Amino acid sequence: MNLPQRAFATLPENPKQIIMITRYQRGYTAIDSQLSADELNALSGVNKGQVEAMLAGSMFGWSVPAANPNMYLEDGSLVESKKGH
């Protein structure tokens, strides 16, 4: 799974505010849209795992493990790691 050019999410402190995250850029851009973040992502073929990776990258830097979309399942949950391997 690769990082998309952009992904959409909502702000935790204001779930009505949609944000756009651009690959390899810090932070986000607030946008106005009649569509939800999930609808915008679906139109672009972006799954929830990619959104989670994009959020992590935009906040903590693109080299952290959490910015790797392969750390997530398509539903946005973390891939289970095998301890001791």
PDB file of N, CA and C in Angstrom:
ATOM      1  N   MET A   1       0.860  -1.179   0.000  1.00  0.00           N
ATOM      2  CA  MET A   1       0.000   0.000   0.000  1.00  0.00           C
ATOM      3  C   MET A   1       0.906   1.242   0.000  1.00  0.00           C
ATOM      4  N   ASN A   2       0.585   2.197  -0.809  1.00  0.00           N
ATOM      5  CA  ASN A   2       1.368   3.423  -0.912  1.00  0.00           C
ATOM      6  C   ASN A   2       0.627   4.604  -0.296  1.00  0.00           C
ATOM      7  N   LEU A   3       1.394   5.650  -0.024  1.00  0.00           N
ATOM      8  CA  LEU A   3       0.764   6.899   0.425  1.00  0.00           C
ATOM      9  C   LEU A   3       0.147   7.606  -0.768  1.00  0.00           C
ATOM     10  N   PRO A   4      -1.086   8.067  -0.623  1.00  0.00           N
ATOM     11  CA  PRO A   4      -1.704   8.833  -1.706  1.00  0.00           C
ATOM     12  C   PRO A   4      -1.135  10.255  -1.752  1.00  0.00           C
ATOM     13  N   GLN A   5      -1.417  10.958  -2.817  1.00  0.00           N
ATOM     14  CA  GLN A   5      -0.994  12.363  -2.926  1.00  0.00           C
ATOM     15  C   GLN A   5      -1.647  13.209  -1.842  1.00  0.00           C
ATOM     16  N   ARG A   6      -2.921  12.902  -1.554  1.00  0.00           N
ATOM     17  CA  ARG A   6      -3.633  13.641  -0.495  1.00  0.00           C
ATOM     18  C   ARG A   6      -4.687  12.733   0.128  1.00  0.00           C
ATOM     19  N   ALA A   7      -5.036  13.070   1.350  1.00  0.00           N
ATOM     20  CA  ALA A   7      -6.076  12.345   2.078  1.00  0.00           C
ATOM     21  C   ALA A   7      -6.875  13.365   2.884  1.00  0.00           C
ATOM     22  N   PHE A   8      -8.064  12.962   3.287  1.00  0.00           N
ATOM     23  CA  PHE A   8      -8.955  13.855   4.018  1.00  0.00           C
ATOM     24  C   PHE A   8      -9.313  13.236   5.362  1.00  0.00           C
ATOM     25  N   ALA A   9      -9.472  14.092   6.364  1.00  0.00           N
ATOM     26  CA  ALA A   9      -9.825  13.652   7.716  1.00  0.00           C
ATOM     27  C   ALA A   9     -10.618  14.775   8.372  1.00  0.00           C
ATOM     28  N   THR A  10     -11.016  14.550   9.608  1.00  0.00           N
ATOM     29  CA  THR A  10     -11.673  15.605  10.385  1.00  0.00           C
ATOM     30  C   THR A  10     -10.815  15.901  11.604  1.00  0.00           C
ATOM     31  N   LEU A  11     -10.954  17.093  12.112  1.00  0.00           N
ATOM     32  CA  LEU A  11     -10.225  17.478  13.315  1.00  0.00           C
ATOM     33  C   LEU A  11     -10.889  16.844  14.526  1.00  0.00           C
ATOM     34  N   PRO A  12     -10.120  16.217  15.400  1.00  0.00           N
ATOM     35  CA  PRO A  12     -10.724  15.611  16.604  1.00  0.00           C
ATOM     36  C   PRO A  12     -11.473  16.632  17.460  1.00  0.00           C
ATOM     37  N   GLU A  13     -10.944  17.845  17.568  1.00  0.00           N
ATOM     38  CA  GLU A  13     -11.596  18.856  18.403  1.00  0.00           C
ATOM     39  C   GLU A  13     -12.778  19.534  17.713  1.00  0.00           C
ATOM     40  N   ASN A  14     -12.922  19.321  16.404  1.00  0.00           N
ATOM     41  CA  ASN A  14     -14.036  19.889  15.653  1.00  0.00           C
ATOM     42  C   ASN A  14     -14.381  18.939  14.507  1.00  0.00           C
ATOM     43  N   PRO A  15     -15.156  17.884  14.784  1.00  0.00           N
ATOM     44  CA  PRO A  15     -15.440  16.873  13.762  1.00  0.00           C
ATOM     45  C   PRO A  15     -16.163  17.400  12.522  1.00  0.00           C
ATOM     46  N   LYS A  16     -16.662  18.622  12.573  1.00  0.00           N
ATOM     47  CA  LYS A  16     -17.302  19.195  11.388  1.00  0.00           C
ATOM     48  C   LYS A  16     -16.282  19.807  10.435  1.00  0.00           C
ATOM     49  N   GLN A  17     -15.047  20.012  10.916  1.00  0.00           N
ATOM     50  CA  GLN A  17     -14.006  20.624  10.085  1.00  0.00           C
ATOM     51  C   GLN A  17     -13.228  19.545   9.330  1.00  0.00           C
ATOM     52  N   ILE A  18     -13.332  19.589   8.007  1.00  0.00           N
ATOM     53  CA  ILE A  18     -12.594  18.649   7.167  1.00  0.00           C
ATOM     54  C   ILE A  18     -11.221  19.247   6.865  1.00  0.00           C
ATOM     55  N   ILE A  19     -10.214  18.382   6.935  1.00  0.00           N
ATOM     56  CA  ILE A  19      -8.851  18.815   6.622  1.00  0.00           C
ATOM     57  C   ILE A  19      -8.301  17.976   5.472  1.00  0.00           C
ATOM     58  N   MET A  20      -7.395  18.594   4.730  1.00  0.00           N
ATOM     59  CA  MET A  20      -6.697  17.896   3.659  1.00  0.00           C
ATOM     60  C   MET A  20      -5.237  17.764   4.065  1.00  0.00           C
ATOM     61  N   ILE A  21      -4.715  16.558   3.972  1.00  0.00           N
ATOM     62  CA  ILE A  21      -3.319  16.283   4.282  1.00  0.00           C
ATOM     63  C   ILE A  21      -2.634  15.984   2.954  1.00  0.00           C
ATOM     64  N   THR A  22      -1.534  16.659   2.709  1.00  0.00           N
ATOM     65  CA  THR A  22      -0.784  16.459   1.474  1.00  0.00           C
ATOM     66  C   THR A  22       0.479  15.670   1.786  1.00  0.00           C
ATOM     67  N   ARG A  23       0.738  14.670   0.973  1.00  0.00           N
ATOM     68  CA  ARG A  23       1.881  13.780   1.171  1.00  0.00           C
ATOM     69  C   ARG A  23       3.177  14.563   1.333  1.00  0.00           C
ATOM     70  N   TYR A  24       3.932  14.207   2.368  1.00  0.00           N
ATOM     71  CA  TYR A  24       5.252  14.746   2.702  1.00  0.00           C
ATOM     72  C   TYR A  24       5.247  16.198   3.159  1.00  0.00           C
ATOM     73  N   GLN A  25       4.072  16.750   3.464  1.00  0.00           N
ATOM     74  CA  GLN A  25       4.005  18.101   4.018  1.00  0.00           C
ATOM     75  C   GLN A  25       3.563  18.022   5.477  1.00  0.00           C
ATOM     76  N   ARG A  26       4.130  18.905   6.303  1.00  0.00           N
ATOM     77  CA  ARG A  26       3.737  18.995   7.707  1.00  0.00           C
ATOM     78  C   ARG A  26       2.403  19.722   7.808  1.00  0.00           C
ATOM     79  N   GLY A  27       1.596  19.331   8.771  1.00  0.00           N
ATOM     80  CA  GLY A  27       0.337  20.027   9.016  1.00  0.00           C
ATOM     81  C   GLY A  27      -0.752  19.635   8.034  1.00  0.00           C
ATOM     82  N   TYR A  28      -1.747  20.489   7.942  1.00  0.00           N
ATOM     83  CA  TYR A  28      -2.916  20.217   7.109  1.00  0.00           C
ATOM     84  C   TYR A  28      -3.504  21.527   6.620  1.00  0.00           C
ATOM     85  N   THR A  29      -4.447  21.414   5.711  1.00  0.00           N
ATOM     86  CA  THR A  29      -5.188  22.558   5.204  1.00  0.00           C
ATOM     87  C   THR A  29      -6.666  22.329   5.488  1.00  0.00           C
ATOM     88  N   ALA A  30      -7.318  23.277   6.144  1.00  0.00           N
ATOM     89  CA  ALA A  30      -8.762  23.188   6.371  1.00  0.00           C
ATOM     90  C   ALA A  30      -9.470  23.467   5.049  1.00  0.00           C
ATOM     91  N   ILE A  31     -10.497  22.676   4.760  1.00  0.00           N
ATOM     92  CA  ILE A  31     -11.250  22.880   3.522  1.00  0.00           C
ATOM     93  C   ILE A  31     -12.741  22.912   3.821  1.00  0.00           C
ATOM     94  N   ASP A  32     -13.477  23.509   2.905  1.00  0.00           N
ATOM     95  CA  ASP A  32     -14.937  23.493   2.953  1.00  0.00           C
ATOM     96  C   ASP A  32     -15.413  22.490   1.920  1.00  0.00           C
ATOM     97  N   SER A  33     -16.296  21.601   2.310  1.00  0.00           N
ATOM     98  CA  SER A  33     -16.807  20.607   1.379  1.00  0.00           C
ATOM     99  C   SER A  33     -18.198  20.178   1.812  1.00  0.00           C
ATOM    100  N   GLN A  34     -19.028  19.912   0.837  1.00  0.00           N
ATOM    101  CA  GLN A  34     -20.354  19.361   1.113  1.00  0.00           C
ATOM    102  C   GLN A  34     -20.260  17.857   1.388  1.00  0.00           C
ATOM    103  N   LEU A  35     -19.136  17.251   0.988  1.00  0.00           N
ATOM    104  CA  LEU A  35     -18.919  15.829   1.203  1.00  0.00           C
ATOM    105  C   LEU A  35     -18.158  15.602   2.501  1.00  0.00           C
ATOM    106  N   SER A  36     -18.297  14.426   3.074  1.00  0.00           N
ATOM    107  CA  SER A  36     -17.552  14.072   4.285  1.00  0.00           C
ATOM    108  C   SER A  36     -16.128  13.682   3.893  1.00  0.00           C
ATOM    109  N   ALA A  37     -15.261  13.608   4.883  1.00  0.00           N
ATOM    110  CA  ALA A  37     -13.887  13.163   4.639  1.00  0.00           C
ATOM    111  C   ALA A  37     -13.894  11.742   4.064  1.00  0.00           C
ATOM    112  N   ASP A  38     -14.737  10.871   4.591  1.00  0.00           N
ATOM    113  CA  ASP A  38     -14.821   9.500   4.079  1.00  0.00           C
ATOM    114  C   ASP A  38     -15.257   9.481   2.618  1.00  0.00           C
ATOM    115  N   GLU A  39     -16.209  10.329   2.267  1.00  0.00           N
ATOM    116  CA  GLU A  39     -16.666  10.383   0.874  1.00  0.00           C
ATOM    117  C   GLU A  39     -15.567  10.909  -0.044  1.00  0.00           C
ATOM    118  N   LEU A  40     -14.851  11.936   0.396  1.00  0.00           N
ATOM    119  CA  LEU A  40     -13.759  12.477  -0.409  1.00  0.00           C
ATOM    120  C   LEU A  40     -12.661  11.432  -0.605  1.00  0.00           C
ATOM    121  N   ASN A  41     -12.331  10.701   0.456  1.00  0.00           N
ATOM    122  CA  ASN A  41     -11.317   9.659   0.339  1.00  0.00           C
ATOM    123  C   ASN A  41     -11.777   8.546  -0.600  1.00  0.00           C
ATOM    124  N   ALA A  42     -13.042   8.161  -0.502  1.00  0.00           N
ATOM    125  CA  ALA A  42     -13.573   7.105  -1.368  1.00  0.00           C
ATOM    126  C   ALA A  42     -13.490   7.518  -2.838  1.00  0.00           C
ATOM    127  N   LEU A  43     -13.780   8.766  -3.126  1.00  0.00           N
ATOM    128  CA  LEU A  43     -13.692   9.259  -4.507  1.00  0.00           C
ATOM    129  C   LEU A  43     -12.265   9.184  -5.048  1.00  0.00           C
ATOM    130  N   SER A  44     -11.298   9.308  -4.143  1.00  0.00           N
ATOM    131  CA  SER A  44      -9.883   9.270  -4.537  1.00  0.00           C
ATOM    132  C   SER A  44      -9.275   7.879  -4.393  1.00  0.00           C
ATOM    133  N   GLY A  45     -10.045   6.916  -3.896  1.00  0.00           N
ATOM    134  CA  GLY A  45      -9.526   5.571  -3.706  1.00  0.00           C
ATOM    135  C   GLY A  45      -8.580   5.452  -2.521  1.00  0.00           C
ATOM    136  N   VAL A  46      -8.761   6.310  -1.526  1.00  0.00           N
ATOM    137  CA  VAL A  46      -7.903   6.315  -0.339  1.00  0.00           C
ATOM    138  C   VAL A  46      -8.618   5.564   0.781  1.00  0.00           C
ATOM    139  N   ASN A  47      -7.930   4.562   1.358  1.00  0.00           N
ATOM    140  CA  ASN A  47      -8.562   3.803   2.443  1.00  0.00           C
ATOM    141  C   ASN A  47      -8.167   4.376   3.802  1.00  0.00           C
ATOM    142  N   LYS A  48      -8.807   3.868   4.855  1.00  0.00           N
ATOM    143  CA  LYS A  48      -8.587   4.412   6.205  1.00  0.00           C
ATOM    144  C   LYS A  48      -7.169   4.170   6.715  1.00  0.00           C
ATOM    145  N   GLY A  49      -6.548   3.093   6.297  1.00  0.00           N
ATOM    146  CA  GLY A  49      -5.161   2.847   6.672  1.00  0.00           C
ATOM    147  C   GLY A  49      -4.234   3.915   6.109  1.00  0.00           C
ATOM    148  N   GLN A  50      -4.475   4.298   4.872  1.00  0.00           N
ATOM    149  CA  GLN A  50      -3.680   5.362   4.259  1.00  0.00           C
ATOM    150  C   GLN A  50      -3.931   6.695   4.963  1.00  0.00           C
ATOM    151  N   VAL A  51      -5.167   6.956   5.354  1.00  0.00           N
ATOM    152  CA  VAL A  51      -5.487   8.184   6.084  1.00  0.00           C
ATOM    153  C   VAL A  51      -4.727   8.225   7.406  1.00  0.00           C
ATOM    154  N   GLU A  52      -4.723   7.111   8.139  1.00  0.00           N
ATOM    155  CA  GLU A  52      -4.007   7.070   9.416  1.00  0.00           C
ATOM    156  C   GLU A  52      -2.518   7.337   9.223  1.00  0.00           C
ATOM    157  N   ALA A  53      -1.930   6.746   8.194  1.00  0.00           N
ATOM    158  CA  ALA A  53      -0.512   6.975   7.914  1.00  0.00           C
ATOM    159  C   ALA A  53      -0.257   8.430   7.536  1.00  0.00           C
ATOM    160  N   MET A  54      -1.146   9.005   6.756  1.00  0.00           N
ATOM    161  CA  MET A  54      -1.000  10.412   6.355  1.00  0.00           C
ATOM    162  C   MET A  54      -1.120  11.331   7.569  1.00  0.00           C
ATOM    163  N   LEU A  55      -2.067  11.039   8.461  1.00  0.00           N
ATOM    164  CA  LEU A  55      -2.205  11.840   9.680  1.00  0.00           C
ATOM    165  C   LEU A  55      -0.931  11.782  10.508  1.00  0.00           C
ATOM    166  N   ALA A  56      -0.401  10.575  10.704  1.00  0.00           N
ATOM    167  CA  ALA A  56       0.826  10.426  11.493  1.00  0.00           C
ATOM    168  C   ALA A  56       1.980  11.174  10.846  1.00  0.00           C
ATOM    169  N   GLY A  57       2.138  11.037   9.558  1.00  0.00           N
ATOM    170  CA  GLY A  57       3.227  11.715   8.866  1.00  0.00           C
ATOM    171  C   GLY A  57       3.126  13.219   8.963  1.00  0.00           C
ATOM    172  N   SER A  58       1.930  13.736   8.824  1.00  0.00           N
ATOM    173  CA  SER A  58       1.749  15.191   8.863  1.00  0.00           C
ATOM    174  C   SER A  58       2.011  15.768  10.248  1.00  0.00           C
ATOM    175  N   MET A  59       1.818  14.949  11.280  1.00  0.00           N
ATOM    176  CA  MET A  59       2.013  15.425  12.653  1.00  0.00           C
ATOM    177  C   MET A  59       3.409  15.134  13.196  1.00  0.00           C
ATOM    178  N   PHE A  60       3.943  13.945  12.888  1.00  0.00           N
ATOM    179  CA  PHE A  60       5.169  13.492  13.551  1.00  0.00           C
ATOM    180  C   PHE A  60       6.361  13.342  12.621  1.00  0.00           C
ATOM    181  N   GLY A  61       6.167  13.611  11.345  1.00  0.00           N
ATOM    182  CA  GLY A  61       7.250  13.479  10.373  1.00  0.00           C
ATOM    183  C   GLY A  61       7.053  12.223   9.534  1.00  0.00           C
ATOM    184  N   TRP A  62       7.537  12.272   8.321  1.00  0.00           N
ATOM    185  CA  TRP A  62       7.271  11.214   7.354  1.00  0.00           C
ATOM    186  C   TRP A  62       8.198  10.012   7.490  1.00  0.00           C
ATOM    187  N   SER A  63       9.174  10.099   8.391  1.00  0.00           N
ATOM    188  CA  SER A  63      10.092   8.971   8.571  1.00  0.00           C
ATOM    189  C   SER A  63       9.720   8.094   9.772  1.00  0.00           C
ATOM    190  N   VAL A  64       8.684   8.460  10.528  1.00  0.00           N
ATOM    191  CA  VAL A  64       8.279   7.629  11.660  1.00  0.00           C
ATOM    192  C   VAL A  64       7.541   6.388  11.149  1.00  0.00           C
ATOM    193  N   PRO A  65       7.646   5.263  11.868  1.00  0.00           N
ATOM    194  CA  PRO A  65       6.964   4.042  11.420  1.00  0.00           C
ATOM    195  C   PRO A  65       5.460   4.223  11.208  1.00  0.00           C
ATOM    196  N   ALA A  66       4.813   5.046  12.015  1.00  0.00           N
ATOM    197  CA  ALA A  66       3.363   5.240  11.893  1.00  0.00           C
ATOM    198  C   ALA A  66       2.969   5.909  10.584  1.00  0.00           C
ATOM    199  N   ALA A  67       3.915   6.526   9.869  1.00  0.00           N
ATOM    200  CA  ALA A  67       3.622   7.153   8.581  1.00  0.00           C
ATOM    201  C   ALA A  67       3.704   6.157   7.430  1.00  0.00           C
ATOM    202  N   ASN A  68       3.971   4.910   7.748  1.00  0.00           N
ATOM    203  CA  ASN A  68       4.039   3.858   6.735  1.00  0.00           C
ATOM    204  C   ASN A  68       2.658   3.226   6.606  1.00  0.00           C
ATOM    205  N   PRO A  69       2.012   3.333   5.446  1.00  0.00           N
ATOM    206  CA  PRO A  69       0.664   2.773   5.313  1.00  0.00           C
ATOM    207  C   PRO A  69       0.614   1.261   5.474  1.00  0.00           C
ATOM    208  N   ASN A  70       1.755   0.585   5.341  1.00  0.00           N
ATOM    209  CA  ASN A  70       1.780  -0.864   5.518  1.00  0.00           C
ATOM    210  C   ASN A  70       1.652  -1.271   6.989  1.00  0.00           C
ATOM    211  N   MET A  71       1.668  -0.304   7.891  1.00  0.00           N
ATOM    212  CA  MET A  71       1.467  -0.565   9.315  1.00  0.00           C
ATOM    213  C   MET A  71      -0.022  -0.718   9.652  1.00  0.00           C
ATOM    214  N   TYR A  72      -0.886  -0.455   8.677  1.00  0.00           N
ATOM    215  CA  TYR A  72      -2.332  -0.422   8.909  1.00  0.00           C
ATOM    216  C   TYR A  72      -3.069  -1.362   7.962  1.00  0.00           C
ATOM    217  N   LEU A  73      -4.199  -1.845   8.420  1.00  0.00           N
ATOM    218  CA  LEU A  73      -5.133  -2.540   7.549  1.00  0.00           C
ATOM    219  C   LEU A  73      -5.967  -1.492   6.829  1.00  0.00           C
ATOM    220  N   GLU A  74      -6.693  -1.900   5.812  1.00  0.00           N
ATOM    221  CA  GLU A  74      -7.498  -0.939   5.052  1.00  0.00           C
ATOM    222  C   GLU A  74      -8.558  -0.248   5.891  1.00  0.00           C
ATOM    223  N   ASP A  75      -8.971  -0.874   7.003  1.00  0.00           N
ATOM    224  CA  ASP A  75      -9.988  -0.253   7.859  1.00  0.00           C
ATOM    225  C   ASP A  75      -9.390   0.753   8.847  1.00  0.00           C
ATOM    226  N   GLY A  76      -8.054   0.932   8.802  1.00  0.00           N
ATOM    227  CA  GLY A  76      -7.402   1.896   9.666  1.00  0.00           C
ATOM    228  C   GLY A  76      -6.829   1.325  10.947  1.00  0.00           C
ATOM    229  N   SER A  77      -7.094   0.042  11.215  1.00  0.00           N
ATOM    230  CA  SER A  77      -6.538  -0.571  12.420  1.00  0.00           C
ATOM    231  C   SER A  77      -5.085  -0.975  12.163  1.00  0.00           C
ATOM    232  N   LEU A  78      -4.322  -1.051  13.250  1.00  0.00           N
ATOM    233  CA  LEU A  78      -2.909  -1.416  13.148  1.00  0.00           C
ATOM    234  C   LEU A  78      -2.772  -2.896  12.808  1.00  0.00           C
ATOM    235  N   VAL A  79      -1.776  -3.199  12.005  1.00  0.00           N
ATOM    236  CA  VAL A  79      -1.434  -4.583  11.722  1.00  0.00           C
ATOM    237  C   VAL A  79      -0.857  -5.179  12.997  1.00  0.00           C
ATOM    238  N   GLU A  80      -1.295  -6.358  13.354  1.00  0.00           N
ATOM    239  CA  GLU A  80      -0.767  -7.013  14.552  1.00  0.00           C
ATOM    240  C   GLU A  80       0.655  -7.456  14.287  1.00  0.00           C
ATOM    241  N   SER A  81       1.547  -7.101  15.201  1.00  0.00           N
ATOM    242  CA  SER A  81       2.935  -7.541  15.060  1.00  0.00           C
ATOM    243  C   SER A  81       3.129  -8.807  15.873  1.00  0.00           C
ATOM    244  N   LYS A  82       4.028  -9.647  15.411  1.00  0.00           N
ATOM    245  CA  LYS A  82       4.326 -10.882  16.132  1.00  0.00           C
ATOM    246  C   LYS A  82       5.478 -10.616  17.066  1.00  0.00           C
ATOM    247  N   LYS A  83       5.226 -10.742  18.344  1.00  0.00           N
ATOM    248  CA  LYS A  83       6.281 -10.500  19.338  1.00  0.00           C
ATOM    249  C   LYS A  83       7.294 -11.627  19.291  1.00  0.00           C
ATOM    250  N   GLY A  84       8.572 -11.232  19.462  1.00  0.00           N
ATOM    251  CA  GLY A  84       9.635 -12.211  19.489  1.00  0.00           C
ATOM    252  C   GLY A  84      10.151 -12.592  18.113  1.00  0.00           C
ATOM    253  N   HIS A  85       9.661 -11.932  17.048  1.00  0.00           N
ATOM    254  CA  HIS A  85      10.128 -12.234  15.690  1.00  0.00           C
ATOM    255  C   HIS A  85      10.825 -11.053  15.099  1.00  0.00           C
TER     256      HIS A  85
END
